[in-house]
Amino acid sequence: MKKIKLLVLLTIMLIPLNIFAYEKEEYIYTNIDTQGKEVEKVINNELKLNYIGEVKDNSYLKDILNINGNEKFTTDENTLTWESKGKSILYEGKTDKQNPIEVEIKYYLNDKEVKYNDLMNQKGHIKIVYKFINNEYNPDYKMHTPYTIALAGTIKNTDINNINITNGKIINTGNKNILAAIAAPGLYEDIELEELKSLDNITIDFETDTFKGIDVYFVATPKLLDKVDLELFNRLDSTITSINSLQTNYNKIADGATRLNDGTKELDNGINNLYEGTTKLKAGTKTLNEGSKKLVEGTNNLVSGSYTVDENLQNIIKILDESNTSLNEKSILLKQNETQIQELINTNTNTIEKLQSVNNQITTQFSQLNLNIEEANLEQTLSNLLNAQAIDSNTYQTLITYKQTYDNNKNLITLLTANNNTINTLTTSLVTMSQEVINNLDLLKNALTKLQTEGTNNIYKGSNELLNEMTELSNGTTQLDNSTEELLNGTYQLKTGATSIKDGTNELTNGINTLNAQGINKLTNYANVANSYSNKIKQLVKMSKEYNGFTSNNSTNTTFIYKINY
């Protein structure tokens, strides 16, 4: 059916407009034997006239005879001058010129070649192959004259089963089968389109219990093309330009997807670094929490042993110095992580923009097809278009892939946006708490230093106050330790999410590259091939327009009719 549709598409372009004062129909009736050899041939020409007077005609026939009237004519070489009486003139003649279409017929019984008469009353699988050879080659165009052949025939339904025909159709009327098929010999060699490869042949095969015969004839015409709409080719050229532009833009999308994939790999590495830094920070806050508890214990000893106040104060100050140094180091690490976190947020934002850009382009593609990408039943709509042949299977699969890409992008955008919000919240909390602890440690160190330098007066009172402050500090470091635990859990989730994003964008890149290779590139190649076909079809159009007859140079239409003598 694809071949039939393709040939029908080619045949929608018909003959040029008639430029003569009258129309001339040329019919070549040829009787052939069961093997396709020519037995007898006669040519009929009909001059379709509607005025009275002298009419000049061109003909290379001999033995010309007026067969439907008594109009007289004179001959001057190949020019006939008729005396028209206002009605059509039908005359016949003969020629030694060979028909441009040669027919070869072969018959098979159970896959063995036999003669037609050997098939009669036989039982089994019968196959008949009609091969057509186009012998009219135009050296100027380096193409064959575009003849189209129509096969028509009948075969009785008696004892006939599983009948098939190539390049055609079978209509069962109850007591017989009507056969119809088409062929275009030479068209495959000229256009080199794979779908036309079998159009040199028509094959009929069936099962029978008793073969009773088949009645077949052929009609061939070079006037395949009529009323040429060259705008069809202009629109084809425009479509090919658009497809090439699509290829260029899609290459940009594929390149952007590759860069996006590289960015998500960097994002994954950055978050892994952040997770490692947070792990170290958690270890530091744990150490600080343990140190603050020791401070509380030391302060209790200070209260109970005022005689060792000075020594304990020195130990406490030393511990505070070490803790402060450790916390400052962790704060520096946090600042560094802040930069990485901001870069991560920027990367997420860029990724979101790129994904949105891809979705915008996909939305535009669907809009150009009058489709809504957000439609709930989009896949059903595309399936309906495919079933209605409004789109082909390649376009259907391409649009389904676009839809999947669009949905995946939306999910990634949602995930990245949520990650940004989580990162901002956790980072702000951690920075605030870390700064508060550093400030408290500085205040505490200053207080202890003052206590040591000013002596041990009121040491008991001061040590009790210090105990309270140490308790609060211990509670604060415990809270900080718990917060860093939450931050560690959050960064672990972020790490897991970043890995998912990396895997998702990697799949997205592979999907886009696959679509580019299997969809867009093929579409571009098909468009370029179609462009070369259209140029050849234009040549066929021109050849058809220039065809003026088999035995004359002024024929409007020429028809070859072959009848098989059984």
Protein backbone atom coordinates (compact mmCIF):
# COMPACT_ATOMS: atom_id res chain seq x y z
CA MET A 1 0.00 0.00 0.00
CA LYS A 2 2.92 2.37 0.67
CA LYS A 3 4.06 1.97 -2.93
CA ILE A 4 0.55 2.62 -4.24
CA LYS A 5 0.18 5.75 -2.10
CA LEU A 6 3.58 7.01 -3.21
CA LEU A 7 2.75 6.52 -6.89
CA VAL A 8 -0.66 8.16 -6.38
CA LEU A 9 1.19 11.11 -4.82
CA LEU A 10 3.38 11.32 -7.90
CA THR A 11 0.39 11.04 -10.25
CA ILE A 12 -1.52 13.95 -8.72
CA MET A 13 0.57 16.17 -10.98
CA LEU A 14 -1.06 15.84 -14.40
CA ILE A 15 -0.51 17.02 -18.02
CA PRO A 16 0.09 20.61 -19.03
CA LEU A 17 -2.82 22.65 -20.44
CA ASN A 18 -3.70 21.95 -24.09
CA ILE A 19 -2.30 24.53 -26.50
CA PHE A 20 -3.97 23.22 -29.67
CA ALA A 21 -7.16 24.51 -31.29
CA TYR A 22 -8.60 21.03 -30.84
CA GLU A 23 -7.89 17.95 -28.77
CA LYS A 24 -6.45 14.79 -30.22
CA GLU A 25 -6.78 11.43 -28.53
CA GLU A 26 -4.41 8.66 -29.64
CA TYR A 27 -5.20 5.00 -28.83
CA ILE A 28 -2.82 2.13 -29.58
CA TYR A 29 -4.63 -1.22 -29.38
CA THR A 30 -2.23 -4.15 -29.12
CA ASN A 31 -3.09 -7.82 -28.94
CA ILE A 32 -0.44 -9.91 -27.21
CA ASP A 33 -0.10 -13.65 -26.68
CA THR A 34 -0.03 -15.38 -23.32
CA GLN A 35 3.71 -14.71 -23.00
CA GLY A 36 3.39 -10.99 -23.80
CA LYS A 37 4.60 -11.04 -27.42
CA GLU A 38 2.87 -8.62 -29.82
CA VAL A 39 0.43 -10.30 -32.20
CA GLU A 40 -1.42 -7.39 -33.80
CA LYS A 41 -1.60 -3.63 -33.39
CA VAL A 42 -3.89 -0.87 -34.67
CA ILE A 43 -3.89 2.86 -33.89
CA ASN A 44 -6.99 4.99 -33.58
CA ASN A 45 -6.81 8.80 -33.56
CA GLU A 46 -9.77 10.96 -32.59
CA LEU A 47 -9.85 14.65 -33.49
CA LYS A 48 -12.33 16.35 -31.17
CA LEU A 49 -13.71 19.22 -33.24
CA ASN A 50 -16.59 21.68 -32.81
CA TYR A 51 -16.25 23.85 -35.91
CA ILE A 52 -16.56 23.51 -39.69
CA GLY A 53 -13.59 24.12 -41.92
CA GLU A 54 -10.11 22.99 -42.80
CA VAL A 55 -8.16 21.21 -40.05
CA LYS A 56 -4.48 20.28 -40.24
CA ASP A 57 -3.24 17.24 -38.37
CA ASN A 58 0.08 15.47 -37.95
CA SER A 59 0.45 11.70 -38.33
CA TYR A 60 3.11 9.10 -39.20
CA LEU A 61 0.51 6.36 -39.83
CA LYS A 62 0.02 4.49 -43.02
CA ASP A 63 -3.13 2.93 -44.49
CA ILE A 64 -5.24 5.67 -42.87
CA LEU A 65 -9.01 5.07 -42.86
CA ASN A 66 -11.84 7.34 -41.62
CA ILE A 67 -13.99 4.98 -39.55
CA ASN A 68 -16.85 7.15 -38.24
CA GLY A 69 -17.66 9.59 -41.04
CA ASN A 70 -17.07 10.58 -44.66
CA GLU A 71 -14.77 13.55 -44.15
CA LYS A 72 -12.05 13.69 -46.78
CA PHE A 73 -8.40 14.44 -46.24
CA THR A 74 -5.30 15.13 -48.25
CA THR A 75 -1.74 14.13 -47.38
CA ASP A 76 1.42 16.21 -47.65
CA GLU A 77 4.24 14.09 -46.19
CA ASN A 78 3.20 13.78 -42.50
CA THR A 79 0.53 16.50 -42.58
CA LEU A 80 -3.14 15.54 -42.99
CA THR A 81 -5.63 18.22 -44.05
CA TRP A 82 -9.20 17.33 -43.09
CA GLU A 83 -12.45 18.99 -44.15
CA SER A 84 -14.25 19.23 -40.78
CA LYS A 85 -18.06 19.10 -40.63
CA GLY A 86 -18.19 20.24 -37.00
CA LYS A 87 -17.98 16.85 -35.33
CA SER A 88 -15.21 14.57 -34.18
CA ILE A 89 -13.19 12.62 -36.71
CA LEU A 90 -12.06 9.11 -35.84
CA TYR A 91 -9.52 7.46 -38.07
CA GLU A 92 -7.23 4.46 -37.82
CA GLY A 93 -3.94 3.42 -39.32
CA LYS A 94 -0.93 1.17 -38.94
CA THR A 95 2.69 1.55 -37.97
CA ASP A 96 5.82 -0.59 -37.78
CA LYS A 97 7.03 1.33 -34.73
CA GLN A 98 7.57 -0.81 -31.64
CA ASN A 99 5.55 -0.06 -28.50
CA PRO A 100 7.61 1.68 -25.79
CA ILE A 101 6.30 -0.76 -23.13
CA GLU A 102 7.31 -4.38 -23.50
CA VAL A 103 5.38 -7.06 -21.57
CA GLU A 104 6.74 -10.39 -20.32
CA ILE A 105 4.33 -12.88 -18.70
CA LYS A 106 5.32 -15.98 -16.73
CA TYR A 107 3.10 -18.63 -15.14
CA TYR A 108 3.90 -20.91 -12.19
CA LEU A 109 2.13 -23.97 -10.83
CA ASN A 110 3.34 -24.96 -7.36
CA ASP A 111 6.47 -22.82 -7.93
CA LYS A 112 7.30 -24.52 -11.25
CA GLU A 113 7.20 -22.42 -14.45
CA VAL A 114 4.68 -23.66 -16.99
CA LYS A 115 2.80 -22.37 -20.05
CA TYR A 116 -0.61 -20.80 -19.68
CA ASN A 117 -2.45 -23.68 -21.35
CA ASP A 118 -0.81 -26.11 -18.92
CA LEU A 119 -2.62 -24.35 -16.05
CA MET A 120 -6.11 -25.09 -17.26
CA ASN A 121 -8.15 -27.34 -14.93
CA GLN A 122 -5.10 -27.73 -12.65
CA LYS A 123 -5.13 -27.77 -8.85
CA GLY A 124 -2.62 -26.09 -6.56
CA HIS A 125 -0.87 -22.76 -6.01
CA ILE A 126 -0.81 -20.60 -9.13
CA LYS A 127 1.31 -17.51 -9.60
CA ILE A 128 1.26 -15.18 -12.61
CA VAL A 129 4.00 -12.53 -12.99
CA TYR A 130 3.57 -9.61 -15.37
CA LYS A 131 6.86 -7.82 -15.99
CA PHE A 132 6.89 -4.45 -17.77
CA ILE A 133 9.95 -3.00 -19.51
CA ASN A 134 10.13 0.69 -20.39
CA ASN A 135 12.19 0.95 -23.60
CA GLU A 136 11.68 4.68 -24.09
CA TYR A 137 14.76 6.37 -22.58
CA ASN A 138 15.38 10.08 -23.04
CA PRO A 139 19.16 10.70 -23.31
CA ASP A 140 18.73 14.45 -22.83
CA TYR A 141 17.13 14.00 -19.41
CA LYS A 142 18.82 10.65 -18.73
CA MET A 143 15.45 9.33 -17.59
CA HIS A 144 12.65 7.14 -18.96
CA THR A 145 9.42 8.61 -20.26
CA PRO A 146 7.13 8.31 -17.19
CA TYR A 147 4.65 5.64 -18.28
CA THR A 148 2.04 4.46 -15.82
CA ILE A 149 0.36 1.10 -16.38
CA ALA A 150 -2.99 0.06 -14.98
CA LEU A 151 -3.90 -3.64 -14.88
CA ALA A 152 -7.55 -4.62 -14.89
CA GLY A 153 -8.99 -8.09 -14.97
CA THR A 154 -11.43 -10.63 -13.62
CA ILE A 155 -11.22 -14.18 -12.33
CA LYS A 156 -14.15 -16.33 -11.31
CA ASN A 157 -14.57 -17.14 -7.63
CA THR A 158 -15.13 -20.84 -8.35
CA ASP A 159 -12.59 -22.88 -6.44
CA ILE A 160 -10.36 -19.78 -5.85
CA ASN A 161 -8.92 -19.09 -2.39
CA ASN A 162 -6.33 -16.77 -0.81
CA ILE A 163 -5.96 -14.58 -3.88
CA ASN A 164 -3.38 -11.77 -3.68
CA ILE A 165 -2.09 -9.06 -6.00
CA THR A 166 0.93 -6.78 -5.65
CA ASN A 167 0.65 -3.02 -6.08
CA GLY A 168 -3.10 -3.27 -6.32
CA LYS A 169 -6.45 -4.32 -4.89
CA ILE A 170 -8.95 -7.16 -5.24
CA ILE A 171 -12.72 -6.60 -5.10
CA ASN A 172 -14.89 -9.64 -4.49
CA THR A 173 -18.31 -9.24 -6.14
CA GLY A 174 -19.63 -12.62 -5.05
CA ASN A 175 -19.17 -14.73 -8.16
CA LYS A 176 -15.90 -13.23 -9.34
CA ASN A 177 -12.92 -11.17 -8.27
CA ILE A 178 -12.15 -7.85 -9.93
CA LEU A 179 -8.40 -7.19 -10.13
CA ALA A 180 -6.80 -3.74 -10.27
CA ALA A 181 -3.14 -2.82 -9.95
CA ILE A 182 -0.59 -0.31 -11.18
CA ALA A 183 3.01 -0.37 -12.39
CA ALA A 184 5.54 2.26 -13.41
CA PRO A 185 8.47 0.61 -15.22
CA GLY A 186 11.67 2.64 -15.19
CA LEU A 187 10.54 4.89 -12.33
CA TYR A 188 12.75 3.16 -9.74
CA GLU A 189 15.82 3.43 -11.98
CA ASP A 190 15.15 7.14 -12.52
CA ILE A 191 14.26 8.23 -8.97
CA GLU A 192 16.09 5.49 -7.01
CA LEU A 193 13.44 5.49 -4.32
CA GLU A 194 13.35 2.10 -2.58
CA GLU A 195 9.54 2.05 -2.30
CA LEU A 196 9.30 2.08 -6.12
CA LYS A 197 11.59 -0.91 -6.62
CA SER A 198 8.83 -3.47 -7.28
CA LEU A 199 6.74 -1.27 -9.57
CA ASP A 200 8.19 -2.96 -12.67
CA ASN A 201 6.10 -6.04 -11.85
CA ILE A 202 2.59 -7.07 -10.91
CA THR A 203 2.13 -10.52 -9.39
CA ILE A 204 -1.14 -12.41 -8.89
CA ASP A 205 -1.20 -15.63 -6.85
CA PHE A 206 -3.96 -17.83 -5.47
CA GLU A 207 -4.95 -21.34 -4.49
CA THR A 208 -7.32 -23.23 -6.78
CA ASP A 209 -8.97 -26.65 -7.07
CA THR A 210 -9.69 -26.21 -10.78
CA PHE A 211 -8.19 -23.29 -12.73
CA LYS A 212 -10.74 -21.97 -15.24
CA GLY A 213 -8.81 -19.04 -16.67
CA ILE A 214 -8.21 -15.33 -16.10
CA ASP A 215 -9.12 -12.29 -18.19
CA VAL A 216 -6.59 -9.43 -18.03
CA TYR A 217 -5.72 -6.29 -20.00
CA PHE A 218 -3.38 -3.34 -19.46
CA VAL A 219 -3.69 0.40 -20.06
CA ALA A 220 -0.51 2.49 -20.27
CA THR A 221 -0.16 6.24 -20.64
CA PRO A 222 2.77 8.66 -20.62
CA LYS A 223 0.51 11.44 -19.39
CA LEU A 224 1.09 10.58 -15.78
CA LEU A 225 1.43 14.20 -14.73
CA ASP A 226 -1.23 16.88 -15.16
CA LYS A 227 -1.70 20.50 -14.00
CA VAL A 228 1.66 20.78 -12.39
CA ASP A 229 1.57 22.82 -9.21
CA LEU A 230 5.17 23.98 -8.90
CA GLU A 231 4.22 25.62 -5.60
CA LEU A 232 4.24 22.07 -4.24
CA PHE A 233 7.99 21.98 -4.80
CA ASN A 234 8.42 25.51 -3.39
CA ARG A 235 6.64 24.40 -0.24
CA LEU A 236 8.83 21.30 -0.16
CA ASP A 237 11.94 23.51 -0.44
CA SER A 238 10.62 25.68 2.41
CA THR A 239 9.92 22.61 4.53
CA ILE A 240 13.42 21.27 3.93
CA THR A 241 14.87 24.66 4.98
CA SER A 242 12.79 24.52 8.17
CA ILE A 243 13.95 20.98 8.90
CA ASN A 244 17.58 22.01 8.43
CA SER A 245 16.95 24.94 10.81
CA LEU A 246 15.41 22.49 13.28
CA GLN A 247 18.54 20.34 12.99
CA THR A 248 20.75 23.37 13.74
CA ASN A 249 18.67 24.42 16.76
CA TYR A 250 18.41 20.89 18.06
CA ASN A 251 22.19 20.55 17.83
CA LYS A 252 22.31 23.59 20.12
CA ILE A 253 19.90 21.87 22.51
CA ALA A 254 22.05 18.74 22.48
CA ASP A 255 25.14 20.86 23.14
CA GLY A 256 23.33 22.64 25.99
CA ALA A 257 22.26 19.30 27.44
CA THR A 258 25.89 18.15 27.38
CA ARG A 259 26.97 21.31 29.19
CA LEU A 260 24.10 20.82 31.65
CA ASN A 261 25.29 17.27 32.24
CA ASP A 262 28.82 18.55 32.90
CA GLY A 263 27.42 21.17 35.29
CA THR A 264 25.47 18.57 37.26
CA LYS A 265 28.63 16.49 37.57
CA GLU A 266 30.36 19.55 39.04
CA LEU A 267 27.32 20.08 41.26
CA ASP A 268 27.58 16.49 42.47
CA ASN A 269 31.31 16.93 43.22
CA GLY A 270 30.65 20.21 45.08
CA ILE A 271 27.94 18.68 47.23
CA ASN A 272 30.19 15.71 48.00
CA ASN A 273 32.81 18.23 49.20
CA LEU A 274 30.14 20.03 51.22
CA TYR A 275 29.11 16.72 52.80
CA GLU A 276 32.72 15.95 53.73
CA GLY A 277 33.12 19.47 55.22
CA THR A 278 29.89 19.09 57.18
CA THR A 279 31.13 15.75 58.51
CA LYS A 280 34.28 17.47 59.77
CA LEU A 281 32.22 20.30 61.25
CA LYS A 282 30.06 17.75 63.06
CA ALA A 283 33.20 16.18 64.55
CA GLY A 284 34.32 19.68 65.69
CA THR A 285 31.02 20.55 67.35
CA LYS A 286 31.06 17.18 69.08
CA THR A 287 34.52 17.98 70.43
CA LEU A 288 33.33 21.45 71.49
CA ASN A 289 30.29 19.96 73.24
CA GLU A 290 32.44 17.51 75.10
CA GLY A 291 34.83 20.35 76.02
CA SER A 292 31.98 22.51 77.36
CA LYS A 293 30.85 19.65 79.55
CA LYS A 294 34.39 19.42 80.89
CA LEU A 295 34.20 23.16 81.54
CA VAL A 296 31.11 22.65 83.68
CA GLU A 297 32.86 19.88 85.55
CA GLY A 298 35.92 22.07 86.03
CA THR A 299 33.79 24.92 87.33
CA ASN A 300 32.23 22.58 89.90
CA ASN A 301 35.71 21.70 91.02
CA LEU A 302 36.47 25.42 91.18
CA VAL A 303 33.53 26.02 93.49
CA SER A 304 34.49 23.12 95.75
CA GLY A 305 38.20 23.84 95.71
CA SER A 306 38.78 27.57 95.95
CA TYR A 307 42.40 26.93 96.85
CA THR A 308 43.04 25.69 93.31
CA VAL A 309 41.12 28.50 91.64
CA ASP A 310 44.05 30.07 89.93
CA GLU A 311 45.28 26.80 88.52
CA ASN A 312 41.80 25.84 87.35
CA LEU A 313 41.28 29.26 85.78
CA GLN A 314 44.43 28.87 83.77
CA ASN A 315 43.33 25.43 82.62
CA ILE A 316 39.91 26.77 81.70
CA ILE A 317 41.38 29.69 79.71
CA LYS A 318 43.67 27.29 77.90
CA ILE A 319 40.74 25.04 77.03
CA LEU A 320 38.78 28.09 75.83
CA ASP A 321 41.70 29.15 73.62
CA GLU A 322 41.88 25.69 72.09
CA SER A 323 38.11 25.53 71.61
CA ASN A 324 37.99 29.03 70.17
CA THR A 325 40.81 28.20 67.74
CA SER A 326 39.04 24.98 66.70
CA LEU A 327 35.71 26.77 66.26
CA ASN A 328 37.35 29.56 64.24
CA GLU A 329 38.89 26.95 62.00
CA LYS A 330 35.45 25.38 61.57
CA SER A 331 33.99 28.83 60.90
CA ILE A 332 36.56 29.39 58.15
CA LEU A 333 35.61 26.02 56.72
CA LEU A 334 31.96 27.04 56.95
CA LYS A 335 32.73 30.29 55.09
CA GLN A 336 34.45 28.27 52.41
CA ASN A 337 31.43 25.99 52.30
CA GLU A 338 29.22 29.08 52.06
CA THR A 339 30.99 29.92 48.80
CA GLN A 340 30.55 26.37 47.58
CA ILE A 341 26.94 26.42 48.71
CA GLN A 342 26.33 29.66 46.80
CA GLU A 343 28.01 28.15 43.74
CA LEU A 344 25.80 25.13 44.20
CA ILE A 345 22.71 27.36 44.37
CA ASN A 346 23.88 29.24 41.26
CA THR A 347 24.50 25.94 39.48
CA ASN A 348 21.02 24.75 40.51
CA THR A 349 19.53 28.02 39.23
CA ASN A 350 21.40 27.73 35.91
CA THR A 351 20.30 24.12 35.63
CA ILE A 352 16.69 25.16 36.25
CA GLU A 353 16.96 27.83 33.54
CA LYS A 354 18.45 25.39 31.05
CA LEU A 355 15.82 22.79 31.78
CA GLN A 356 13.12 25.46 31.43
CA SER A 357 14.68 26.58 28.14
CA VAL A 358 14.55 23.02 26.82
CA ASN A 359 10.90 22.77 27.93
CA ASN A 360 10.10 26.10 26.27
CA GLN A 361 11.57 24.82 22.99
CA ILE A 362 9.62 21.57 23.30
CA THR A 363 6.44 23.57 24.06
CA THR A 364 7.09 25.65 20.91
CA GLN A 365 7.48 22.46 18.83
CA PHE A 366 4.10 21.22 20.10
CA SER A 367 2.50 24.65 19.58
CA GLN A 368 3.59 24.58 15.93
CA LEU A 369 1.61 21.34 15.63
CA ASN A 370 -1.39 22.96 17.41
CA LEU A 371 -0.83 20.68 20.40
CA ASN A 372 -0.79 21.53 24.11
CA ILE A 373 2.12 19.83 25.91
CA GLU A 374 0.18 20.15 29.24
CA GLU A 375 -2.87 18.37 27.87
CA ALA A 376 -3.89 15.56 30.24
CA ASN A 377 -4.67 13.12 27.43
CA LEU A 378 -1.79 14.13 25.11
CA GLU A 379 -0.64 10.56 24.47
CA GLN A 380 -4.21 9.58 23.46
CA THR A 381 -4.38 12.64 21.18
CA LEU A 382 -1.09 11.66 19.50
CA SER A 383 -2.32 8.08 19.14
CA ASN A 384 -5.52 9.37 17.49
CA LEU A 385 -3.44 11.48 15.07
CA LEU A 386 -1.30 8.42 14.27
CA ASN A 387 -4.38 6.27 13.66
CA ALA A 388 -5.86 9.00 11.47
CA GLN A 389 -2.52 9.11 9.57
CA ALA A 390 -2.25 12.82 10.37
CA ILE A 391 1.25 11.99 11.58
CA ASP A 392 3.55 9.07 10.80
CA SER A 393 5.00 6.61 13.32
CA ASN A 394 8.40 8.38 13.44
CA THR A 395 6.76 11.73 14.27
CA TYR A 396 4.55 10.00 16.86
CA GLN A 397 7.54 8.41 18.62
CA THR A 398 9.45 11.73 18.45
CA LEU A 399 6.56 13.64 20.10
CA ILE A 400 6.19 10.95 22.79
CA THR A 401 9.92 11.28 23.54
CA TYR A 402 9.53 15.09 23.71
CA LYS A 403 6.66 14.69 26.18
CA GLN A 404 8.69 12.37 28.41
CA THR A 405 11.63 14.78 28.30
CA TYR A 406 9.32 17.67 29.20
CA ASP A 407 7.86 15.81 32.24
CA ASN A 408 11.33 14.73 33.42
CA ASN A 409 12.53 18.34 33.19
CA LYS A 410 9.56 19.58 35.27
CA ASN A 411 10.35 17.04 37.99
CA LEU A 412 14.02 18.09 38.00
CA ILE A 413 13.08 21.77 38.22
CA THR A 414 10.86 21.05 41.26
CA LEU A 415 13.62 19.05 42.96
CA LEU A 416 16.30 21.70 42.33
CA THR A 417 14.06 24.50 43.60
CA ALA A 418 13.35 22.56 46.83
CA ASN A 419 17.07 21.84 47.26
CA ASN A 420 17.91 25.56 46.95
CA ASN A 421 15.38 26.40 49.68
CA THR A 422 16.78 23.69 51.98
CA ILE A 423 20.39 24.83 51.42
CA ASN A 424 19.55 28.47 52.17
CA THR A 425 17.70 27.56 55.40
CA LEU A 426 20.39 25.24 56.75
CA THR A 427 23.27 27.56 55.84
CA THR A 428 21.66 30.59 57.50
CA SER A 429 20.96 28.65 60.72
CA LEU A 430 24.47 27.23 60.91
CA VAL A 431 26.22 30.56 60.31
CA THR A 432 24.08 32.28 62.97
CA MET A 433 24.68 29.61 65.62
CA SER A 434 28.41 29.38 64.90
CA GLN A 435 28.84 33.12 65.28
CA GLU A 436 26.86 33.13 68.55
CA VAL A 437 29.09 30.40 70.02
CA ILE A 438 32.28 32.25 68.97
CA ASN A 439 30.97 35.45 70.58
CA ASN A 440 30.07 33.59 73.78
CA LEU A 441 33.50 31.97 73.94
CA ASP A 442 35.20 35.34 73.53
CA LEU A 443 33.09 36.83 76.32
CA LEU A 444 33.83 33.85 78.54
CA LYS A 445 37.56 34.03 77.92
CA ASN A 446 37.60 37.75 78.71
CA ALA A 447 35.67 37.17 81.92
CA LEU A 448 38.01 34.41 83.10
CA THR A 449 41.08 36.43 82.23
CA LYS A 450 39.78 39.36 84.25
CA LEU A 451 39.01 37.02 87.14
CA GLN A 452 42.51 35.66 87.15
CA THR A 453 44.28 39.02 86.88
CA GLU A 454 42.19 40.79 89.51
CA GLY A 455 42.74 38.10 92.14
CA THR A 456 40.58 35.63 93.91
CA ASN A 457 38.41 38.13 95.81
CA ASN A 458 34.83 37.02 95.80
CA ILE A 459 36.03 33.92 93.97
CA TYR A 460 33.31 31.78 95.41
CA LYS A 461 30.62 34.14 94.26
CA GLY A 462 32.25 34.51 90.90
CA SER A 463 32.76 30.78 90.50
CA ASN A 464 29.05 30.16 91.10
CA GLU A 465 28.20 32.73 88.43
CA LEU A 466 30.74 31.09 86.18
CA LEU A 467 29.15 27.73 86.81
CA ASN A 468 25.83 29.09 85.57
CA GLU A 469 27.45 30.50 82.46
CA MET A 470 29.29 27.23 81.82
CA THR A 471 26.00 25.35 82.13
CA GLU A 472 24.40 27.64 79.56
CA LEU A 473 27.44 27.24 77.35
CA SER A 474 27.19 23.48 77.64
CA ASN A 475 23.55 23.63 76.74
CA GLY A 476 24.41 25.85 73.73
CA THR A 477 27.14 23.54 72.50
CA THR A 478 24.78 20.61 72.87
CA GLN A 479 22.24 22.49 70.75
CA LEU A 480 24.96 23.33 68.22
CA ASP A 481 25.99 19.68 68.10
CA ASN A 482 22.36 18.66 67.47
CA SER A 483 22.02 21.33 64.77
CA THR A 484 25.14 20.17 62.97
CA GLU A 485 23.70 16.65 63.13
CA GLU A 486 20.61 17.95 61.33
CA LEU A 487 22.82 19.80 58.86
CA LEU A 488 24.79 16.60 58.24
CA ASN A 489 21.55 14.71 57.57
CA GLY A 490 20.36 17.51 55.27
CA THR A 491 23.60 17.60 53.30
CA TYR A 492 23.41 13.80 52.98
CA GLN A 493 19.95 14.16 51.46
CA LEU A 494 21.28 16.94 49.25
CA LYS A 495 24.15 14.66 48.24
CA THR A 496 21.67 11.91 47.35
CA GLY A 497 19.52 14.41 45.42
CA ALA A 498 22.54 15.75 43.54
CA THR A 499 23.45 12.20 42.53
CA SER A 500 19.90 11.70 41.29
CA ILE A 501 20.10 14.99 39.36
CA LYS A 502 23.40 13.92 37.84
CA ASP A 503 21.92 10.57 36.80
CA GLY A 504 18.78 12.30 35.49
CA THR A 505 20.66 14.86 33.41
CA ASN A 506 22.90 12.09 32.12
CA GLU A 507 19.79 10.22 30.99
CA LEU A 508 18.41 13.47 29.57
CA THR A 509 21.62 14.04 27.60
CA ASN A 510 21.58 10.47 26.32
CA GLY A 511 17.89 10.82 25.42
CA ILE A 512 18.45 14.10 23.56
CA ASN A 513 21.45 12.67 21.71
CA THR A 514 19.45 9.54 20.87
CA LEU A 515 16.54 11.65 19.63
CA ASN A 516 18.96 13.76 17.62
CA ALA A 517 20.60 10.69 16.08
CA GLN A 518 17.48 8.60 15.54
CA GLY A 519 14.90 11.33 14.99
CA ILE A 520 16.12 14.77 13.94
CA ASN A 521 19.14 13.56 11.93
CA LYS A 522 17.01 11.01 10.11
CA LEU A 523 14.33 13.63 9.47
CA THR A 524 17.00 15.93 8.02
CA ASN A 525 18.37 13.12 5.87
CA TYR A 526 14.87 12.26 4.67
CA ALA A 527 14.25 15.91 3.82
CA ASN A 528 17.46 16.16 1.82
CA VAL A 529 16.64 12.92 0.01
CA ALA A 530 13.12 14.22 -0.68
CA ASN A 531 14.67 17.35 -2.15
CA SER A 532 16.65 15.27 -4.63
CA TYR A 533 13.47 13.30 -5.46
CA SER A 534 11.54 16.51 -6.08
CA ASN A 535 14.14 17.68 -8.62
CA LYS A 536 13.80 14.39 -10.49
CA ILE A 537 10.01 14.59 -10.35
CA LYS A 538 10.21 18.08 -11.86
CA GLN A 539 12.14 16.54 -14.76
CA LEU A 540 9.43 13.89 -15.13
CA VAL A 541 6.85 16.67 -15.20
CA LYS A 542 8.72 18.38 -18.00
CA MET A 543 9.13 15.17 -19.98
CA SER A 544 5.43 14.46 -19.64
CA LYS A 545 4.55 17.97 -20.80
CA GLU A 546 6.78 17.54 -23.85
CA TYR A 547 5.26 14.18 -24.86
CA ASN A 548 3.21 14.78 -28.04
CA GLY A 549 2.29 11.32 -29.26
CA PHE A 550 3.38 7.86 -30.38
CA THR A 551 2.73 8.26 -34.11
CA SER A 552 2.29 12.04 -34.25
CA ASN A 553 3.64 15.24 -32.72
CA ASN A 554 0.35 16.89 -31.75
CA SER A 555 -1.43 14.32 -29.58
CA THR A 556 -3.15 15.67 -26.46
CA ASN A 557 -3.42 12.27 -24.82
CA THR A 558 -1.91 8.91 -25.78
CA THR A 559 -3.16 5.60 -24.42
CA PHE A 560 -1.74 2.12 -24.99
CA ILE A 561 -4.21 -0.74 -24.52
CA TYR A 562 -2.91 -4.32 -24.34
CA LYS A 563 -5.29 -7.28 -24.59
CA ILE A 564 -4.08 -10.81 -23.94
CA ASN A 565 -5.30 -13.41 -26.45
CA TYR A 566 -5.98 -16.58 -24.46
